[in-house]
Amino acid sequence: MPPRTTPNDYQQAVRREVGARVLSLRRQAGLSQEDLGEHAGMDRRTIGRIENGTVAGTLDQLSAIARAIGVPPWRLLRDE
């Protein structure tokens, strides 16, 4: 297995931007982290880590989050 690397500044910025969009869209949908986690099939802590940019959600996770919020997946990656 390759060694783990720390994300560079650009990657961290992208994680924060995506996380901020997840947070904003989740709130607009009136969902708590717990609710979103249940609907997306993941733990509330994972939702929190994605929202605060600690972890980069996988494509499958982001797709599940988007589906649970009721938006197309691209909305998590860029502004309209």
PDB file of N, CA and C in Angstrom:
ATOM      1  N   MET A   1       0.843  -1.163   0.000  1.00  0.00           N
ATOM      2  CA  MET A   1       0.000   0.000   0.000  1.00  0.00           C
ATOM      3  C   MET A   1       0.896   1.236   0.000  1.00  0.00           C
ATOM      4  N   PRO A   2       0.565   2.244  -0.828  1.00  0.00           N
ATOM      5  CA  PRO A   2       1.396   3.450  -0.863  1.00  0.00           C
ATOM      6  C   PRO A   2       1.282   4.218   0.451  1.00  0.00           C
ATOM      7  N   PRO A   3       2.329   4.960   0.791  1.00  0.00           N
ATOM      8  CA  PRO A   3       2.275   5.725   2.031  1.00  0.00           C
ATOM      9  C   PRO A   3       1.237   6.843   1.947  1.00  0.00           C
ATOM     10  N   ARG A   4       0.642   7.175   3.086  1.00  0.00           N
ATOM     11  CA  ARG A   4      -0.332   8.264   3.130  1.00  0.00           C
ATOM     12  C   ARG A   4       0.397   9.588   2.967  1.00  0.00           C
ATOM     13  N   THR A   5      -0.201  10.457   2.207  1.00  0.00           N
ATOM     14  CA  THR A   5       0.383  11.782   2.029  1.00  0.00           C
ATOM     15  C   THR A   5      -0.573  12.814   2.598  1.00  0.00           C
ATOM     16  N   THR A   6      -0.037  13.908   3.012  1.00  0.00           N
ATOM     17  CA  THR A   6      -0.900  14.981   3.508  1.00  0.00           C
ATOM     18  C   THR A   6      -1.366  15.807   2.322  1.00  0.00           C
ATOM     19  N   PRO A   7      -2.590  16.301   2.393  1.00  0.00           N
ATOM     20  CA  PRO A   7      -3.096  17.096   1.272  1.00  0.00           C
ATOM     21  C   PRO A   7      -2.351  18.424   1.165  1.00  0.00           C
ATOM     22  N   ASN A   8      -2.160  18.860  -0.073  1.00  0.00           N
ATOM     23  CA  ASN A   8      -1.515  20.159  -0.274  1.00  0.00           C
ATOM     24  C   ASN A   8      -2.551  21.273  -0.077  1.00  0.00           C
ATOM     25  N   ASP A   9      -2.113  22.505  -0.179  1.00  0.00           N
ATOM     26  CA  ASP A   9      -2.997  23.645   0.075  1.00  0.00           C
ATOM     27  C   ASP A   9      -4.206  23.651  -0.855  1.00  0.00           C
ATOM     28  N   TYR A  10      -3.990  23.324  -2.115  1.00  0.00           N
ATOM     29  CA  TYR A  10      -5.102  23.310  -3.071  1.00  0.00           C
ATOM     30  C   TYR A  10      -6.124  22.244  -2.677  1.00  0.00           C
ATOM     31  N   GLN A  11      -5.658  21.054  -2.343  1.00  0.00           N
ATOM     32  CA  GLN A  11      -6.563  19.974  -1.951  1.00  0.00           C
ATOM     33  C   GLN A  11      -7.346  20.349  -0.695  1.00  0.00           C
ATOM     34  N   GLN A  12      -6.678  20.975   0.251  1.00  0.00           N
ATOM     35  CA  GLN A  12      -7.365  21.405   1.469  1.00  0.00           C
ATOM     36  C   GLN A  12      -8.423  22.453   1.157  1.00  0.00           C
ATOM     37  N   ALA A  13      -8.110  23.365   0.261  1.00  0.00           N
ATOM     38  CA  ALA A  13      -9.081  24.393  -0.123  1.00  0.00           C
ATOM     39  C   ALA A  13     -10.301  23.768  -0.791  1.00  0.00           C
ATOM     40  N   VAL A  14     -10.067  22.783  -1.648  1.00  0.00           N
ATOM     41  CA  VAL A  14     -11.178  22.097  -2.319  1.00  0.00           C
ATOM     42  C   VAL A  14     -12.035  21.367  -1.295  1.00  0.00           C
ATOM     43  N   ARG A  15     -11.398  20.686  -0.347  1.00  0.00           N
ATOM     44  CA  ARG A  15     -12.150  19.992   0.705  1.00  0.00           C
ATOM     45  C   ARG A  15     -13.026  20.965   1.482  1.00  0.00           C
ATOM     46  N   ARG A  16     -12.477  22.125   1.818  1.00  0.00           N
ATOM     47  CA  ARG A  16     -13.249  23.122   2.572  1.00  0.00           C
ATOM     48  C   ARG A  16     -14.421  23.657   1.741  1.00  0.00           C
ATOM     49  N   GLU A  17     -14.186  23.902   0.455  1.00  0.00           N
ATOM     50  CA  GLU A  17     -15.253  24.406  -0.415  1.00  0.00           C
ATOM     51  C   GLU A  17     -16.378  23.391  -0.560  1.00  0.00           C
ATOM     52  N   VAL A  18     -16.026  22.141  -0.819  1.00  0.00           N
ATOM     53  CA  VAL A  18     -17.038  21.095  -0.952  1.00  0.00           C
ATOM     54  C   VAL A  18     -17.782  20.930   0.374  1.00  0.00           C
ATOM     55  N   GLY A  19     -17.041  20.919   1.471  1.00  0.00           N
ATOM     56  CA  GLY A  19     -17.660  20.791   2.781  1.00  0.00           C
ATOM     57  C   GLY A  19     -18.630  21.922   3.073  1.00  0.00           C
ATOM     58  N   ALA A  20     -18.248  23.143   2.702  1.00  0.00           N
ATOM     59  CA  ALA A  20     -19.127  24.296   2.918  1.00  0.00           C
ATOM     60  C   ALA A  20     -20.401  24.165   2.098  1.00  0.00           C
ATOM     61  N   ARG A  21     -20.297  23.632   0.900  1.00  0.00           N
ATOM     62  CA  ARG A  21     -21.487  23.434   0.063  1.00  0.00           C
ATOM     63  C   ARG A  21     -22.397  22.369   0.663  1.00  0.00           C
ATOM     64  N   VAL A  22     -21.792  21.270   1.145  1.00  0.00           N
ATOM     65  CA  VAL A  22     -22.591  20.221   1.787  1.00  0.00           C
ATOM     66  C   VAL A  22     -23.335  20.820   2.984  1.00  0.00           C
ATOM     67  N   LEU A  23     -22.632  21.562   3.811  1.00  0.00           N
ATOM     68  CA  LEU A  23     -23.240  22.187   4.989  1.00  0.00           C
ATOM     69  C   LEU A  23     -24.387  23.111   4.587  1.00  0.00           C
ATOM     70  N   SER A  24     -24.145  23.983   3.629  1.00  0.00           N
ATOM     71  CA  SER A  24     -25.161  24.934   3.200  1.00  0.00           C
ATOM     72  C   SER A  24     -26.390  24.228   2.630  1.00  0.00           C
ATOM     73  N   LEU A  25     -26.170  23.273   1.753  1.00  0.00           N
ATOM     74  CA  LEU A  25     -27.287  22.553   1.136  1.00  0.00           C
ATOM     75  C   LEU A  25     -28.037  21.701   2.154  1.00  0.00           C
ATOM     76  N   ARG A  26     -27.308  21.128   3.101  1.00  0.00           N
ATOM     77  CA  ARG A  26     -27.954  20.334   4.158  1.00  0.00           C
ATOM     78  C   ARG A  26     -28.879  21.224   4.973  1.00  0.00           C
ATOM     79  N   ARG A  27     -28.386  22.397   5.349  1.00  0.00           N
ATOM     80  CA  ARG A  27     -29.206  23.324   6.127  1.00  0.00           C
ATOM     81  C   ARG A  27     -30.416  23.801   5.327  1.00  0.00           C
ATOM     82  N   GLN A  28     -30.204  24.084   4.035  1.00  0.00           N
ATOM     83  CA  GLN A  28     -31.328  24.512   3.183  1.00  0.00           C
ATOM     84  C   GLN A  28     -32.402  23.426   3.118  1.00  0.00           C
ATOM     85  N   ALA A  29     -31.962  22.167   3.162  1.00  0.00           N
ATOM     86  CA  ALA A  29     -32.898  21.041   3.112  1.00  0.00           C
ATOM     87  C   ALA A  29     -33.542  20.779   4.472  1.00  0.00           C
ATOM     88  N   GLY A  30     -33.082  21.500   5.506  1.00  0.00           N
ATOM     89  CA  GLY A  30     -33.653  21.331   6.837  1.00  0.00           C
ATOM     90  C   GLY A  30     -33.258  20.034   7.516  1.00  0.00           C
ATOM     91  N   LEU A  31     -32.072  19.543   7.190  1.00  0.00           N
ATOM     92  CA  LEU A  31     -31.602  18.281   7.756  1.00  0.00           C
ATOM     93  C   LEU A  31     -30.496  18.510   8.768  1.00  0.00           C
ATOM     94  N   SER A  32     -30.493  17.715   9.817  1.00  0.00           N
ATOM     95  CA  SER A  32     -29.366  17.699  10.746  1.00  0.00           C
ATOM     96  C   SER A  32     -28.300  16.773  10.166  1.00  0.00           C
ATOM     97  N   GLN A  33     -27.111  16.803  10.744  1.00  0.00           N
ATOM     98  CA  GLN A  33     -26.074  15.863  10.302  1.00  0.00           C
ATOM     99  C   GLN A  33     -26.549  14.432  10.515  1.00  0.00           C
ATOM    100  N   GLU A  34     -27.228  14.204  11.610  1.00  0.00           N
ATOM    101  CA  GLU A  34     -27.766  12.871  11.913  1.00  0.00           C
ATOM    102  C   GLU A  34     -28.758  12.436  10.838  1.00  0.00           C
ATOM    103  N   ASP A  35     -29.695  13.330  10.482  1.00  0.00           N
ATOM    104  CA  ASP A  35     -30.682  13.018   9.445  1.00  0.00           C
ATOM    105  C   ASP A  35     -30.007  12.715   8.115  1.00  0.00           C
ATOM    106  N   LEU A  36     -29.069  13.578   7.737  1.00  0.00           N
ATOM    107  CA  LEU A  36     -28.380  13.373   6.463  1.00  0.00           C
ATOM    108  C   LEU A  36     -27.619  12.060   6.468  1.00  0.00           C
ATOM    109  N   GLY A  37     -26.951  11.774   7.568  1.00  0.00           N
ATOM    110  CA  GLY A  37     -26.224  10.516   7.675  1.00  0.00           C
ATOM    111  C   GLY A  37     -27.134   9.314   7.497  1.00  0.00           C
ATOM    112  N   GLU A  38     -28.305   9.354   8.135  1.00  0.00           N
ATOM    113  CA  GLU A  38     -29.262   8.247   8.001  1.00  0.00           C
ATOM    114  C   GLU A  38     -29.725   8.095   6.557  1.00  0.00           C
ATOM    115  N   HIS A  39     -30.062   9.213   5.916  1.00  0.00           N
ATOM    116  CA  HIS A  39     -30.551   9.160   4.539  1.00  0.00           C
ATOM    117  C   HIS A  39     -29.452   8.756   3.552  1.00  0.00           C
ATOM    118  N   ALA A  40     -28.214   9.126   3.849  1.00  0.00           N
ATOM    119  CA  ALA A  40     -27.106   8.832   2.938  1.00  0.00           C
ATOM    120  C   ALA A  40     -26.410   7.518   3.276  1.00  0.00           C
ATOM    121  N   GLY A  41     -26.783   6.893   4.387  1.00  0.00           N
ATOM    122  CA  GLY A  41     -26.186   5.609   4.754  1.00  0.00           C
ATOM    123  C   GLY A  41     -24.780   5.727   5.315  1.00  0.00           C
ATOM    124  N   MET A  42     -24.540   6.805   6.084  1.00  0.00           N
ATOM    125  CA  MET A  42     -23.229   6.958   6.706  1.00  0.00           C
ATOM    126  C   MET A  42     -23.379   7.581   8.083  1.00  0.00           C
ATOM    127  N   ASP A  43     -22.318   7.551   8.825  1.00  0.00           N
ATOM    128  CA  ASP A  43     -22.303   8.048  10.192  1.00  0.00           C
ATOM    129  C   ASP A  43     -22.340   9.574  10.234  1.00  0.00           C
ATOM    130  N   ARG A  44     -22.979  10.127  11.257  1.00  0.00           N
ATOM    131  CA  ARG A  44     -23.040  11.572  11.443  1.00  0.00           C
ATOM    132  C   ARG A  44     -21.650  12.187  11.526  1.00  0.00           C
ATOM    133  N   ARG A  45     -20.720  11.470  12.153  1.00  0.00           N
ATOM    134  CA  ARG A  45     -19.349  11.985  12.274  1.00  0.00           C
ATOM    135  C   ARG A  45     -18.694  12.116  10.906  1.00  0.00           C
ATOM    136  N   THR A  46     -18.985  11.207  10.013  1.00  0.00           N
ATOM    137  CA  THR A  46     -18.439  11.290   8.657  1.00  0.00           C
ATOM    138  C   THR A  46     -18.973  12.531   7.954  1.00  0.00           C
ATOM    139  N   ILE A  47     -20.274  12.794   8.115  1.00  0.00           N
ATOM    140  CA  ILE A  47     -20.860  13.998   7.533  1.00  0.00           C
ATOM    141  C   ILE A  47     -20.138  15.227   8.082  1.00  0.00           C
ATOM    142  N   GLY A  48     -19.926  15.265   9.384  1.00  0.00           N
ATOM    143  CA  GLY A  48     -19.233  16.393  10.007  1.00  0.00           C
ATOM    144  C   GLY A  48     -17.825  16.572   9.491  1.00  0.00           C
ATOM    145  N   ARG A  49     -17.108  15.476   9.308  1.00  0.00           N
ATOM    146  CA  ARG A  49     -15.730  15.553   8.800  1.00  0.00           C
ATOM    147  C   ARG A  49     -15.690  16.061   7.362  1.00  0.00           C
ATOM    148  N   ILE A  50     -16.662  15.647   6.567  1.00  0.00           N
ATOM    149  CA  ILE A  50     -16.735  16.148   5.191  1.00  0.00           C
ATOM    150  C   ILE A  50     -17.074  17.633   5.204  1.00  0.00           C
ATOM    151  N   GLU A  51     -18.043  18.024   6.034  1.00  0.00           N
ATOM    152  CA  GLU A  51     -18.447  19.430   6.088  1.00  0.00           C
ATOM    153  C   GLU A  51     -17.324  20.351   6.554  1.00  0.00           C
ATOM    154  N   ASN A  52     -16.501  19.892   7.494  1.00  0.00           N
ATOM    155  CA  ASN A  52     -15.432  20.776   7.972  1.00  0.00           C
ATOM    156  C   ASN A  52     -14.134  20.611   7.186  1.00  0.00           C
ATOM    157  N   GLY A  53     -14.147  19.764   6.156  1.00  0.00           N
ATOM    158  CA  GLY A  53     -12.995  19.625   5.278  1.00  0.00           C
ATOM    159  C   GLY A  53     -11.875  18.768   5.827  1.00  0.00           C
ATOM    160  N   THR A  54     -12.140  18.051   6.907  1.00  0.00           N
ATOM    161  CA  THR A  54     -11.126  17.172   7.484  1.00  0.00           C
ATOM    162  C   THR A  54     -10.828  16.004   6.561  1.00  0.00           C
ATOM    163  N   VAL A  55     -11.861  15.492   5.913  1.00  0.00           N
ATOM    164  CA  VAL A  55     -11.693  14.395   4.966  1.00  0.00           C
ATOM    165  C   VAL A  55     -12.337  14.774   3.634  1.00  0.00           C
ATOM    166  N   ALA A  56     -11.819  14.190   2.582  1.00  0.00           N
ATOM    167  CA  ALA A  56     -12.424  14.337   1.269  1.00  0.00           C
ATOM    168  C   ALA A  56     -13.392  13.176   1.095  1.00  0.00           C
ATOM    169  N   GLY A  57     -14.652  13.476   0.915  1.00  0.00           N
ATOM    170  CA  GLY A  57     -15.615  12.409   0.687  1.00  0.00           C
ATOM    171  C   GLY A  57     -15.314  11.688  -0.616  1.00  0.00           C
ATOM    172  N   THR A  58     -15.571  10.398  -0.619  1.00  0.00           N
ATOM    173  CA  THR A  58     -15.399   9.647  -1.857  1.00  0.00           C
ATOM    174  C   THR A  58     -16.513  10.016  -2.834  1.00  0.00           C
ATOM    175  N   LEU A  59     -16.346   9.647  -4.065  1.00  0.00           N
ATOM    176  CA  LEU A  59     -17.382   9.906  -5.061  1.00  0.00           C
ATOM    177  C   LEU A  59     -18.686   9.234  -4.646  1.00  0.00           C
ATOM    178  N   ASP A  60     -18.614   8.025  -4.138  1.00  0.00           N
ATOM    179  CA  ASP A  60     -19.815   7.322  -3.689  1.00  0.00           C
ATOM    180  C   ASP A  60     -20.478   8.053  -2.522  1.00  0.00           C
ATOM    181  N   GLN A  61     -19.684   8.545  -1.579  1.00  0.00           N
ATOM    182  CA  GLN A  61     -20.244   9.277  -0.444  1.00  0.00           C
ATOM    183  C   GLN A  61     -20.902  10.572  -0.902  1.00  0.00           C
ATOM    184  N   LEU A  62     -20.216  11.324  -1.746  1.00  0.00           N
ATOM    185  CA  LEU A  62     -20.774  12.588  -2.223  1.00  0.00           C
ATOM    186  C   LEU A  62     -22.042  12.359  -3.039  1.00  0.00           C
ATOM    187  N   SER A  63     -22.068  11.288  -3.808  1.00  0.00           N
ATOM    188  CA  SER A  63     -23.257  10.955  -4.576  1.00  0.00           C
ATOM    189  C   SER A  63     -24.423  10.632  -3.639  1.00  0.00           C
ATOM    190  N   ALA A  64     -24.162   9.873  -2.586  1.00  0.00           N
ATOM    191  CA  ALA A  64     -25.206   9.522  -1.615  1.00  0.00           C
ATOM    192  C   ALA A  64     -25.693  10.765  -0.876  1.00  0.00           C
ATOM    193  N   ILE A  65     -24.775  11.655  -0.529  1.00  0.00           N
ATOM    194  CA  ILE A  65     -25.145  12.906   0.144  1.00  0.00           C
ATOM    195  C   ILE A  65     -26.031  13.746  -0.770  1.00  0.00           C
ATOM    196  N   ALA A  66     -25.627  13.900  -2.014  1.00  0.00           N
ATOM    197  CA  ALA A  66     -26.413  14.690  -2.961  1.00  0.00           C
ATOM    198  C   ALA A  66     -27.812  14.100  -3.130  1.00  0.00           C
ATOM    199  N   ARG A  67     -27.889  12.791  -3.264  1.00  0.00           N
ATOM    200  CA  ARG A  67     -29.189  12.127  -3.419  1.00  0.00           C
ATOM    201  C   ARG A  67     -30.063  12.377  -2.190  1.00  0.00           C
ATOM    202  N   ALA A  68     -29.468  12.279  -0.993  1.00  0.00           N
ATOM    203  CA  ALA A  68     -30.214  12.472   0.249  1.00  0.00           C
ATOM    204  C   ALA A  68     -30.701  13.911   0.398  1.00  0.00           C
ATOM    205  N   ILE A  69     -29.916  14.865  -0.086  1.00  0.00           N
ATOM    206  CA  ILE A  69     -30.299  16.275  -0.005  1.00  0.00           C
ATOM    207  C   ILE A  69     -31.288  16.631  -1.113  1.00  0.00           C
ATOM    208  N   GLY A  70     -31.245  15.883  -2.213  1.00  0.00           N
ATOM    209  CA  GLY A  70     -32.148  16.146  -3.332  1.00  0.00           C
ATOM    210  C   GLY A  70     -31.582  17.088  -4.366  1.00  0.00           C
ATOM    211  N   VAL A  71     -30.251  17.036  -4.536  1.00  0.00           N
ATOM    212  CA  VAL A  71     -29.597  17.870  -5.545  1.00  0.00           C
ATOM    213  C   VAL A  71     -28.735  16.980  -6.436  1.00  0.00           C
ATOM    214  N   PRO A  72     -28.407  17.443  -7.650  1.00  0.00           N
ATOM    215  CA  PRO A  72     -27.480  16.668  -8.477  1.00  0.00           C
ATOM    216  C   PRO A  72     -26.082  16.711  -7.863  1.00  0.00           C
ATOM    217  N   PRO A  73     -25.302  15.657  -8.015  1.00  0.00           N
ATOM    218  CA  PRO A  73     -23.974  15.601  -7.398  1.00  0.00           C
ATOM    219  C   PRO A  73     -23.055  16.764  -7.761  1.00  0.00           C
ATOM    220  N   TRP A  74     -23.178  17.293  -8.959  1.00  0.00           N
ATOM    221  CA  TRP A  74     -22.288  18.390  -9.355  1.00  0.00           C
ATOM    222  C   TRP A  74     -22.470  19.620  -8.474  1.00  0.00           C
ATOM    223  N   ARG A  75     -23.659  19.763  -7.846  1.00  0.00           N
ATOM    224  CA  ARG A  75     -23.891  20.925  -6.959  1.00  0.00           C
ATOM    225  C   ARG A  75     -22.948  20.928  -5.757  1.00  0.00           C
ATOM    226  N   LEU A  76     -22.438  19.760  -5.393  1.00  0.00           N
ATOM    227  CA  LEU A  76     -21.491  19.704  -4.275  1.00  0.00           C
ATOM    228  C   LEU A  76     -20.095  20.131  -4.704  1.00  0.00           C
ATOM    229  N   LEU A  77     -19.843  20.097  -6.004  1.00  0.00           N
ATOM    230  CA  LEU A  77     -18.509  20.369  -6.507  1.00  0.00           C
ATOM    231  C   LEU A  77     -18.328  21.776  -7.076  1.00  0.00           C
ATOM    232  N   ARG A  78     -19.426  22.427  -7.407  1.00  0.00           N
ATOM    233  CA  ARG A  78     -19.306  23.781  -7.954  1.00  0.00           C
ATOM    234  C   ARG A  78     -20.592  24.548  -7.719  1.00  0.00           C
ATOM    235  N   ASP A  79     -20.454  25.872  -7.761  1.00  0.00           N
ATOM    236  CA  ASP A  79     -21.627  26.734  -7.625  1.00  0.00           C
ATOM    237  C   ASP A  79     -22.423  26.708  -8.915  1.00  0.00           C
ATOM    238  N   GLU A  80     -23.681  27.044  -8.794  1.00  0.00           N
ATOM    239  CA  GLU A  80     -24.523  27.113  -9.998  1.00  0.00           C
ATOM    240  C   GLU A  80     -24.119  28.271 -10.856  1.00  0.00           C
TER     241      GLU A  80
END
